[in-house]
PDB file of all heavy atoms in Angstrom:
ATOM      1  N   GLU A   1      20.331   2.545   2.079  1.00  0.00           N
ATOM      2  CA  GLU A   1      20.395   1.956   3.427  1.00  0.00           C
ATOM      3  C   GLU A   1      19.011   1.660   3.990  1.00  0.00           C
ATOM      4  O   GLU A   1      18.871   0.849   4.909  1.00  0.00           O
ATOM      5  CB  GLU A   1      21.117   2.925   4.384  1.00  0.00           C
ATOM      6  CG  GLU A   1      22.602   3.108   4.069  1.00  0.00           C
ATOM      7  CD  GLU A   1      23.450   1.859   4.409  1.00  0.00           C
ATOM      8  OE1 GLU A   1      22.970   1.028   5.219  1.00  0.00           O
ATOM      9  OE2 GLU A   1      24.565   1.741   3.875  1.00  0.00           O
ATOM     10  N   GLU A   2      17.982   2.346   3.460  1.00  0.00           N
ATOM     11  CA  GLU A   2      16.625   2.235   4.026  1.00  0.00           C
ATOM     12  C   GLU A   2      16.025   0.846   3.872  1.00  0.00           C
ATOM     13  O   GLU A   2      16.255   0.156   2.859  1.00  0.00           O
ATOM     14  CB  GLU A   2      15.695   3.245   3.343  1.00  0.00           C
ATOM     15  CG  GLU A   2      16.124   4.698   3.533  1.00  0.00           C
ATOM     16  CD  GLU A   2      17.019   5.200   2.370  1.00  0.00           C
ATOM     17  OE1 GLU A   2      17.762   4.375   1.748  1.00  0.00           O
ATOM     18  OE2 GLU A   2      16.945   6.399   2.105  1.00  0.00           O
ATOM     19  N   ASP A   3      15.258   0.389   4.856  1.00  0.00           N
ATOM     20  CA  ASP A   3      14.516  -0.839   4.795  1.00  0.00           C
ATOM     21  C   ASP A   3      13.354  -0.679   3.804  1.00  0.00           C
ATOM     22  O   ASP A   3      12.521   0.213   3.955  1.00  0.00           O
ATOM     23  CB  ASP A   3      13.951  -1.211   6.182  1.00  0.00           C
ATOM     24  CG  ASP A   3      13.133  -2.492   6.215  1.00  0.00           C
ATOM     25  OD1 ASP A   3      13.145  -3.224   5.198  1.00  0.00           O
ATOM     26  OD2 ASP A   3      12.451  -2.742   7.217  1.00  0.00           O
ATOM     27  N   ILE A   4      13.319  -1.532   2.772  1.00  0.00           N
ATOM     28  CA  ILE A   4      12.290  -1.391   1.750  1.00  0.00           C
ATOM     29  C   ILE A   4      11.201  -2.468   1.839  1.00  0.00           C
ATOM     30  O   ILE A   4      10.296  -2.502   1.016  1.00  0.00           O
ATOM     31  CB  ILE A   4      12.886  -1.406   0.317  1.00  0.00           C
ATOM     32  CG1 ILE A   4      13.549  -2.749   0.002  1.00  0.00           C
ATOM     33  CG2 ILE A   4      13.902  -0.274   0.153  1.00  0.00           C
ATOM     34  CD1 ILE A   4      13.987  -2.913  -1.446  1.00  0.00           C
ATOM     35  N   SER A   5      11.291  -3.324   2.832  1.00  0.00           N
ATOM     36  CA  SER A   5      10.390  -4.492   2.917  1.00  0.00           C
ATOM     37  C   SER A   5       8.919  -4.091   3.116  1.00  0.00           C
ATOM     38  O   SER A   5       8.032  -4.875   2.832  1.00  0.00           O
ATOM     39  CB  SER A   5      10.857  -5.456   4.013  1.00  0.00           C
ATOM     40  OG  SER A   5      10.799  -4.824   5.301  1.00  0.00           O
ATOM     41  N   LYS A   6       8.693  -2.873   3.609  1.00  0.00           N
ATOM     42  CA  LYS A   6       7.314  -2.423   3.854  1.00  0.00           C
ATOM     43  C   LYS A   6       6.776  -1.560   2.716  1.00  0.00           C
ATOM     44  O   LYS A   6       5.630  -1.155   2.743  1.00  0.00           O
ATOM     45  CB  LYS A   6       7.226  -1.620   5.175  1.00  0.00           C
ATOM     46  CG  LYS A   6       7.661  -2.421   6.405  1.00  0.00           C
ATOM     47  CD  LYS A   6       6.688  -3.534   6.736  1.00  0.00           C
ATOM     48  CE  LYS A   6       6.934  -4.161   8.100  1.00  0.00           C
ATOM     49  NZ  LYS A   6       8.240  -4.851   8.181  1.00  0.00           N
ATOM     50  N   CYS A   7       7.607  -1.277   1.716  1.00  0.00           N
ATOM     51  CA  CYS A   7       7.184  -0.489   0.568  1.00  0.00           C
ATOM     52  C   CYS A   7       6.163  -1.253  -0.272  1.00  0.00           C
ATOM     53  O   CYS A   7       6.367  -2.437  -0.570  1.00  0.00           O
ATOM     54  CB  CYS A   7       8.351  -0.075  -0.309  1.00  0.00           C
ATOM     55  SG  CYS A   7       9.591   0.954   0.519  1.00  0.00           S
ATOM     56  N   ARG A   8       5.090  -0.593  -0.678  1.00  0.00           N
ATOM     57  CA  ARG A   8       4.087  -1.218  -1.507  1.00  0.00           C
ATOM     58  C   ARG A   8       3.782  -0.444  -2.784  1.00  0.00           C
ATOM     59  O   ARG A   8       2.984  -0.847  -3.623  1.00  0.00           O
ATOM     60  CB  ARG A   8       2.775  -1.441  -0.718  1.00  0.00           C
ATOM     61  CG  ARG A   8       2.923  -2.420   0.435  1.00  0.00           C
ATOM     62  CD  ARG A   8       3.278  -3.805  -0.010  1.00  0.00           C
ATOM     63  NE  ARG A   8       3.480  -4.730   1.080  1.00  0.00           N
ATOM     64  CZ  ARG A   8       4.672  -5.026   1.652  1.00  0.00           C
ATOM     65  NH1 ARG A   8       5.790  -4.421   1.187  1.00  0.00           N
ATOM     66  NH2 ARG A   8       4.764  -5.884   2.610  1.00  0.00           N
ATOM     67  N   THR A   9       4.401   0.715  -2.937  1.00  0.00           N
ATOM     68  CA  THR A   9       4.328   1.459  -4.169  1.00  0.00           C
ATOM     69  C   THR A   9       5.762   1.852  -4.608  1.00  0.00           C
ATOM     70  O   THR A   9       6.663   1.906  -3.779  1.00  0.00           O
ATOM     71  CB  THR A   9       3.518   2.782  -4.023  1.00  0.00           C
ATOM     72  OG1 THR A   9       4.215   3.682  -3.162  1.00  0.00           O
ATOM     73  CG2 THR A   9       2.108   2.454  -3.469  1.00  0.00           C
ATOM     74  N   PHE A  10       5.898   2.074  -5.885  1.00  0.00           N
ATOM     75  CA  PHE A  10       7.214   2.427  -6.437  1.00  0.00           C
ATOM     76  C   PHE A  10       7.765   3.698  -5.824  1.00  0.00           C
ATOM     77  O   PHE A  10       8.928   3.826  -5.506  1.00  0.00           O
ATOM     78  CB  PHE A  10       7.120   2.553  -7.951  1.00  0.00           C
ATOM     79  CG  PHE A  10       8.454   2.757  -8.627  1.00  0.00           C
ATOM     80  CD1 PHE A  10       9.373   1.725  -8.699  1.00  0.00           C
ATOM     81  CD2 PHE A  10       8.791   3.980  -9.200  1.00  0.00           C
ATOM     82  CE1 PHE A  10      10.615   1.905  -9.303  1.00  0.00           C
ATOM     83  CE2 PHE A  10      10.009   4.160  -9.814  1.00  0.00           C
ATOM     84  CZ  PHE A  10      10.922   3.131  -9.876  1.00  0.00           C
ATOM     85  N   GLU A  11       6.820   4.643  -5.588  1.00  0.00           N
ATOM     86  CA  GLU A  11       7.202   5.966  -5.034  1.00  0.00           C
ATOM     87  C   GLU A  11       7.727   5.857  -3.613  1.00  0.00           C
ATOM     88  O   GLU A  11       8.471   6.744  -3.165  1.00  0.00           O
ATOM     89  CB  GLU A  11       6.016   6.906  -5.120  1.00  0.00           C
ATOM     90  CG  GLU A  11       5.602   7.326  -6.525  1.00  0.00           C
ATOM     91  CD  GLU A  11       4.956   6.176  -7.329  1.00  0.00           C
ATOM     92  OE1 GLU A  11       4.369   5.259  -6.682  1.00  0.00           O
ATOM     93  OE2 GLU A  11       5.055   6.193  -8.560  1.00  0.00           O
ATOM     94  N   GLU A  12       7.345   4.805  -2.878  1.00  0.00           N
ATOM     95  CA  GLU A  12       7.830   4.635  -1.520  1.00  0.00           C
ATOM     96  C   GLU A  12       9.280   4.148  -1.458  1.00  0.00           C
ATOM     97  O   GLU A  12       9.900   4.256  -0.400  1.00  0.00           O
ATOM     98  CB  GLU A  12       6.928   3.655  -0.776  1.00  0.00           C
ATOM     99  CG  GLU A  12       5.537   4.175  -0.459  1.00  0.00           C
ATOM    100  CD  GLU A  12       4.654   3.112   0.201  1.00  0.00           C
ATOM    101  OE1 GLU A  12       4.756   1.905  -0.140  1.00  0.00           O
ATOM    102  OE2 GLU A  12       3.828   3.513   1.046  1.00  0.00           O
ATOM    103  N   LEU A  13       9.804   3.631  -2.521  1.00  0.00           N
ATOM    104  CA  LEU A  13      11.178   3.173  -2.543  1.00  0.00           C
ATOM    105  C   LEU A  13      12.138   4.354  -2.414  1.00  0.00           C
ATOM    106  O   LEU A  13      11.832   5.461  -2.901  1.00  0.00           O
ATOM    107  CB  LEU A  13      11.487   2.412  -3.839  1.00  0.00           C
ATOM    108  CG  LEU A  13      10.841   1.031  -4.031  1.00  0.00           C
ATOM    109  CD1 LEU A  13      11.106   0.543  -5.473  1.00  0.00           C
ATOM    110  CD2 LEU A  13      11.413   0.031  -3.030  1.00  0.00           C
ATOM    111  N   PRO A  14      13.304   4.150  -1.785  1.00  0.00           N
ATOM    112  CA  PRO A  14      14.324   5.215  -1.791  1.00  0.00           C
ATOM    113  C   PRO A  14      14.689   5.602  -3.220  1.00  0.00           C
ATOM    114  O   PRO A  14      14.593   4.784  -4.155  1.00  0.00           O
ATOM    115  CB  PRO A  14      15.515   4.543  -1.094  1.00  0.00           C
ATOM    116  CG  PRO A  14      14.947   3.376  -0.351  1.00  0.00           C
ATOM    117  CD  PRO A  14      13.746   2.929  -1.088  1.00  0.00           C
ATOM    118  N   LYS A  15      15.102   6.851  -3.402  1.00  0.00           N
ATOM    119  CA  LYS A  15      15.395   7.346  -4.749  1.00  0.00           C
ATOM    120  C   LYS A  15      16.440   6.483  -5.461  1.00  0.00           C
ATOM    121  O   LYS A  15      16.281   6.163  -6.639  1.00  0.00           O
ATOM    122  CB  LYS A  15      15.949   8.758  -4.636  1.00  0.00           C
ATOM    123  CG  LYS A  15      16.397   9.435  -5.952  1.00  0.00           C
ATOM    124  CD  LYS A  15      15.242   9.705  -6.838  1.00  0.00           C
ATOM    125  CE  LYS A  15      15.558  10.680  -7.979  1.00  0.00           C
ATOM    126  NZ  LYS A  15      16.750  10.302  -8.767  1.00  0.00           N
ATOM    127  N   ASN A  16      17.461   6.008  -4.757  1.00  0.00           N
ATOM    128  CA  ASN A  16      18.497   5.187  -5.404  1.00  0.00           C
ATOM    129  C   ASN A  16      17.946   3.821  -5.826  1.00  0.00           C
ATOM    130  O   ASN A  16      18.352   3.283  -6.847  1.00  0.00           O
ATOM    131  CB  ASN A  16      19.666   5.006  -4.456  1.00  0.00           C
ATOM    132  CG  ASN A  16      20.543   6.253  -4.359  1.00  0.00           C
ATOM    133  OD1 ASN A  16      20.342   7.226  -5.092  1.00  0.00           O
ATOM    134  ND2 ASN A  16      21.519   6.241  -3.472  1.00  0.00           N
ATOM    135  N   ALA A  17      16.994   3.269  -5.039  1.00  0.00           N
ATOM    136  CA  ALA A  17      16.372   2.015  -5.424  1.00  0.00           C
ATOM    137  C   ALA A  17      15.500   2.208  -6.658  1.00  0.00           C
ATOM    138  O   ALA A  17      15.463   1.353  -7.558  1.00  0.00           O
ATOM    139  CB  ALA A  17      15.542   1.453  -4.275  1.00  0.00           C
ATOM    140  N   GLN A  18      14.784   3.326  -6.715  1.00  0.00           N
ATOM    141  CA  GLN A  18      14.008   3.656  -7.906  1.00  0.00           C
ATOM    142  C   GLN A  18      14.887   3.769  -9.141  1.00  0.00           C
ATOM    143  O   GLN A  18      14.569   3.216 -10.204  1.00  0.00           O
ATOM    144  CB  GLN A  18      13.235   4.954  -7.707  1.00  0.00           C
ATOM    145  CG  GLN A  18      12.122   4.913  -6.664  1.00  0.00           C
ATOM    146  CD  GLN A  18      11.354   6.238  -6.578  1.00  0.00           C
ATOM    147  OE1 GLN A  18      11.186   6.911  -7.580  1.00  0.00           O
ATOM    148  NE2 GLN A  18      10.913   6.589  -5.384  1.00  0.00           N
ATOM    149  N   ASP A  19      15.988   4.478  -8.952  1.00  0.00           N
ATOM    150  CA  ASP A  19      16.917   4.664 -10.090  1.00  0.00           C
ATOM    151  C   ASP A  19      17.500   3.346 -10.581  1.00  0.00           C
ATOM    152  O   ASP A  19      17.700   3.137 -11.767  1.00  0.00           O
ATOM    153  CB  ASP A  19      18.034   5.642  -9.684  1.00  0.00           C
ATOM    154  CG  ASP A  19      17.567   7.066  -9.485  1.00  0.00           C
ATOM    155  OD1 ASP A  19      16.432   7.382  -9.943  1.00  0.00           O
ATOM    156  OD2 ASP A  19      18.298   7.855  -8.865  1.00  0.00           O
ATOM    157  N   TYR A  20      17.802   2.463  -9.608  1.00  0.00           N
ATOM    158  CA  TYR A  20      18.333   1.148  -9.954  1.00  0.00           C
ATOM    159  C   TYR A  20      17.332   0.375 -10.836  1.00  0.00           C
ATOM    160  O   TYR A  20      17.697  -0.172 -11.882  1.00  0.00           O
ATOM    161  CB  TYR A  20      18.676   0.343  -8.697  1.00  0.00           C
ATOM    162  CG  TYR A  20      19.208  -1.041  -8.960  1.00  0.00           C
ATOM    163  CD1 TYR A  20      20.527  -1.234  -9.326  1.00  0.00           C
ATOM    164  CD2 TYR A  20      18.401  -2.160  -8.848  1.00  0.00           C
ATOM    165  CE1 TYR A  20      21.040  -2.517  -9.572  1.00  0.00           C
ATOM    166  CE2 TYR A  20      18.878  -3.451  -9.080  1.00  0.00           C
ATOM    167  CZ  TYR A  20      20.211  -3.616  -9.439  1.00  0.00           C
ATOM    168  OH  TYR A  20      20.697  -4.881  -9.719  1.00  0.00           O
ATOM    169  N   ILE A  21      16.070   0.348 -10.404  1.00  0.00           N
ATOM    170  CA  ILE A  21      15.023  -0.345 -11.159  1.00  0.00           C
ATOM    171  C   ILE A  21      14.870   0.262 -12.533  1.00  0.00           C
ATOM    172  O   ILE A  21      14.788  -0.477 -13.548  1.00  0.00           O
ATOM    173  CB  ILE A  21      13.698  -0.331 -10.379  1.00  0.00           C
ATOM    174  CG1 ILE A  21      13.797  -1.223  -9.129  1.00  0.00           C
ATOM    175  CG2 ILE A  21      12.541  -0.783 -11.267  1.00  0.00           C
ATOM    176  CD1 ILE A  21      13.963  -2.690  -9.375  1.00  0.00           C
ATOM    177  N   LEU A  22      14.809   1.576 -12.629  1.00  0.00           N
ATOM    178  CA  LEU A  22      14.619   2.235 -13.921  1.00  0.00           C
ATOM    179  C   LEU A  22      15.810   1.974 -14.870  1.00  0.00           C
ATOM    180  O   LEU A  22      15.636   1.767 -16.080  1.00  0.00           O
ATOM    181  CB  LEU A  22      14.437   3.740 -13.719  1.00  0.00           C
ATOM    182  CG  LEU A  22      13.135   4.148 -12.988  1.00  0.00           C
ATOM    183  CD1 LEU A  22      13.102   5.640 -12.701  1.00  0.00           C
ATOM    184  CD2 LEU A  22      11.902   3.739 -13.817  1.00  0.00           C
ATOM    185  N   ALA A  23      17.008   1.958 -14.319  1.00  0.00           N
ATOM    186  CA  ALA A  23      18.205   1.672 -15.137  1.00  0.00           C
ATOM    187  C   ALA A  23      18.206   0.243 -15.621  1.00  0.00           C
ATOM    188  O   ALA A  23      18.479  -0.020 -16.811  1.00  0.00           O
ATOM    189  CB  ALA A  23      19.470   1.967 -14.295  1.00  0.00           C
ATOM    190  N   VAL A  24      17.919  -0.681 -14.710  1.00  0.00           N
ATOM    191  CA  VAL A  24      17.886  -2.108 -15.081  1.00  0.00           C
ATOM    192  C   VAL A  24      16.766  -2.352 -16.113  1.00  0.00           C
ATOM    193  O   VAL A  24      16.948  -3.116 -17.058  1.00  0.00           O
ATOM    194  CB  VAL A  24      17.671  -2.970 -13.812  1.00  0.00           C
ATOM    195  CG1 VAL A  24      17.235  -4.366 -14.171  1.00  0.00           C
ATOM    196  CG2 VAL A  24      18.962  -3.042 -12.989  1.00  0.00           C
ATOM    197  N   GLU A  25      15.644  -1.690 -15.937  1.00  0.00           N
ATOM    198  CA  GLU A  25      14.527  -1.822 -16.891  1.00  0.00           C
ATOM    199  C   GLU A  25      14.964  -1.403 -18.295  1.00  0.00           C
ATOM    200  O   GLU A  25      14.699  -2.099 -19.290  1.00  0.00           O
ATOM    201  CB  GLU A  25      13.361  -0.970 -16.419  1.00  0.00           C
ATOM    202  CG  GLU A  25      12.125  -1.064 -17.319  1.00  0.00           C
ATOM    203  CD  GLU A  25      10.943  -0.287 -16.731  1.00  0.00           C
ATOM    204  OE1 GLU A  25      11.093   0.957 -16.564  1.00  0.00           O
ATOM    205  OE2 GLU A  25       9.903  -0.883 -16.443  1.00  0.00           O
ATOM    206  N   LYS A  26      15.643  -0.263 -18.394  1.00  0.00           N
ATOM    207  CA  LYS A  26      16.110   0.247 -19.680  1.00  0.00           C
ATOM    208  C   LYS A  26      17.114  -0.703 -20.310  1.00  0.00           C
ATOM    209  O   LYS A  26      17.086  -0.911 -21.528  1.00  0.00           O
ATOM    210  CB  LYS A  26      16.719   1.626 -19.469  1.00  0.00           C
ATOM    211  CG  LYS A  26      17.079   2.339 -20.762  1.00  0.00           C
ATOM    212  CD  LYS A  26      17.605   3.749 -20.499  1.00  0.00           C
ATOM    213  CE  LYS A  26      17.961   4.457 -21.797  1.00  0.00           C
ATOM    214  NZ  LYS A  26      18.488   5.816 -21.555  1.00  0.00           N
ATOM    215  N   LEU A  27      17.970  -1.304 -19.483  1.00  0.00           N
ATOM    216  CA  LEU A  27      18.994  -2.202 -19.992  1.00  0.00           C
ATOM    217  C   LEU A  27      18.451  -3.564 -20.404  1.00  0.00           C
ATOM    218  O   LEU A  27      19.080  -4.292 -21.183  1.00  0.00           O
ATOM    219  CB  LEU A  27      20.077  -2.419 -18.921  1.00  0.00           C
ATOM    220  CG  LEU A  27      21.018  -1.250 -18.631  1.00  0.00           C
ATOM    221  CD1 LEU A  27      21.733  -1.461 -17.330  1.00  0.00           C
ATOM    222  CD2 LEU A  27      22.007  -1.101 -19.793  1.00  0.00           C
ATOM    223  N   SER A  28      17.271  -3.968 -19.864  1.00  0.00           N
ATOM    224  CA  SER A  28      16.799  -5.346 -19.990  1.00  0.00           C
ATOM    225  C   SER A  28      15.832  -5.590 -21.158  1.00  0.00           C
ATOM    226  O   SER A  28      15.475  -6.714 -21.442  1.00  0.00           O
ATOM    227  CB  SER A  28      16.135  -5.785 -18.676  1.00  0.00           C
ATOM    228  OG  SER A  28      17.080  -5.704 -17.596  1.00  0.00           O
ATOM    229  N   GLY A  29      15.401  -4.523 -21.796  1.00  0.00           N
ATOM    230  CA  GLY A  29      14.607  -4.683 -23.002  1.00  0.00           C
ATOM    231  C   GLY A  29      13.131  -4.967 -22.811  1.00  0.00           C
ATOM    232  O   GLY A  29      12.433  -5.371 -23.753  1.00  0.00           O
ATOM    233  N   CYS A  30      12.628  -4.763 -21.592  1.00  0.00           N
ATOM    234  CA  CYS A  30      11.237  -5.009 -21.304  1.00  0.00           C
ATOM    235  C   CYS A  30      10.846  -4.330 -19.999  1.00  0.00           C
ATOM    236  O   CYS A  30      11.686  -4.143 -19.117  1.00  0.00           O
ATOM    237  CB  CYS A  30      10.956  -6.517 -21.213  1.00  0.00           C
ATOM    238  SG  CYS A  30       9.214  -6.915 -20.908  1.00  0.00           S
ATOM    239  N   ARG A  31       9.569  -3.935 -19.876  1.00  0.00           N
ATOM    240  CA  ARG A  31       9.135  -3.246 -18.667  1.00  0.00           C
ATOM    241  C   ARG A  31       9.212  -4.153 -17.446  1.00  0.00           C
ATOM    242  O   ARG A  31       9.026  -5.360 -17.531  1.00  0.00           O
ATOM    243  CB  ARG A  31       7.710  -2.720 -18.820  1.00  0.00           C
ATOM    244  CG  ARG A  31       6.635  -3.793 -18.814  1.00  0.00           C
ATOM    245  CD  ARG A  31       5.247  -3.160 -19.005  1.00  0.00           C
ATOM    246  NE  ARG A  31       4.200  -4.157 -18.796  1.00  0.00           N
ATOM    247  CZ  ARG A  31       2.899  -3.916 -18.893  1.00  0.00           C
ATOM    248  NH1 ARG A  31       2.497  -2.690 -19.241  1.00  0.00           N
ATOM    249  NH2 ARG A  31       2.011  -4.873 -18.675  1.00  0.00           N
ATOM    250  N   ILE A  32       9.504  -3.575 -16.299  1.00  0.00           N
ATOM    251  CA  ILE A  32       9.465  -4.288 -15.002  1.00  0.00           C
ATOM    252  C   ILE A  32       8.113  -4.002 -14.384  1.00  0.00           C
ATOM    253  O   ILE A  32       7.825  -2.853 -13.976  1.00  0.00           O
ATOM    254  CB  ILE A  32      10.627  -3.865 -14.100  1.00  0.00           C
ATOM    255  CG1 ILE A  32      11.952  -4.329 -14.699  1.00  0.00           C
ATOM    256  CG2 ILE A  32      10.446  -4.454 -12.703  1.00  0.00           C
ATOM    257  CD1 ILE A  32      13.195  -3.830 -13.960  1.00  0.00           C
ATOM    258  N   SER A  33       7.260  -5.007 -14.295  1.00  0.00           N
ATOM    259  CA  SER A  33       5.892  -4.820 -13.864  1.00  0.00           C
ATOM    260  C   SER A  33       5.680  -5.047 -12.380  1.00  0.00           C
ATOM    261  O   SER A  33       4.662  -4.592 -11.820  1.00  0.00           O
ATOM    262  CB  SER A  33       4.935  -5.711 -14.685  1.00  0.00           C
ATOM    263  OG  SER A  33       4.946  -5.284 -16.030  1.00  0.00           O
ATOM    264  N   ALA A  34       6.585  -5.791 -11.743  1.00  0.00           N
ATOM    265  CA  ALA A  34       6.434  -6.031 -10.289  1.00  0.00           C
ATOM    266  C   ALA A  34       7.812  -6.173  -9.689  1.00  0.00           C
ATOM    267  O   ALA A  34       8.764  -6.617 -10.334  1.00  0.00           O
ATOM    268  CB  ALA A  34       5.601  -7.283 -10.032  1.00  0.00           C
ATOM    269  N   ILE A  35       7.916  -5.769  -8.385  1.00  0.00           N
ATOM    270  CA  ILE A  35       9.199  -5.760  -7.709  1.00  0.00           C
ATOM    271  C   ILE A  35       9.034  -6.449  -6.360  1.00  0.00           C
ATOM    272  O   ILE A  35       8.253  -5.989  -5.503  1.00  0.00           O
ATOM    273  CB  ILE A  35       9.668  -4.328  -7.470  1.00  0.00           C
ATOM    274  CG1 ILE A  35       9.746  -3.568  -8.823  1.00  0.00           C
ATOM    275  CG2 ILE A  35      11.042  -4.297  -6.793  1.00  0.00           C
ATOM    276  CD1 ILE A  35       9.763  -2.048  -8.647  1.00  0.00           C
TER     277      ILE A  35
END
C-alpha cells in the first residue's frame, strides 16, 4: 500500500515490493539493474 515514488534505493521499497522484484528477477533469466 505504501507510496514508492520517492524511493531511491532498493532497501527503501516496502518488503513486498522488494520480494516482487526479486521473484520476477529469478523468473526472468537476467538481473534487474534499475526500477
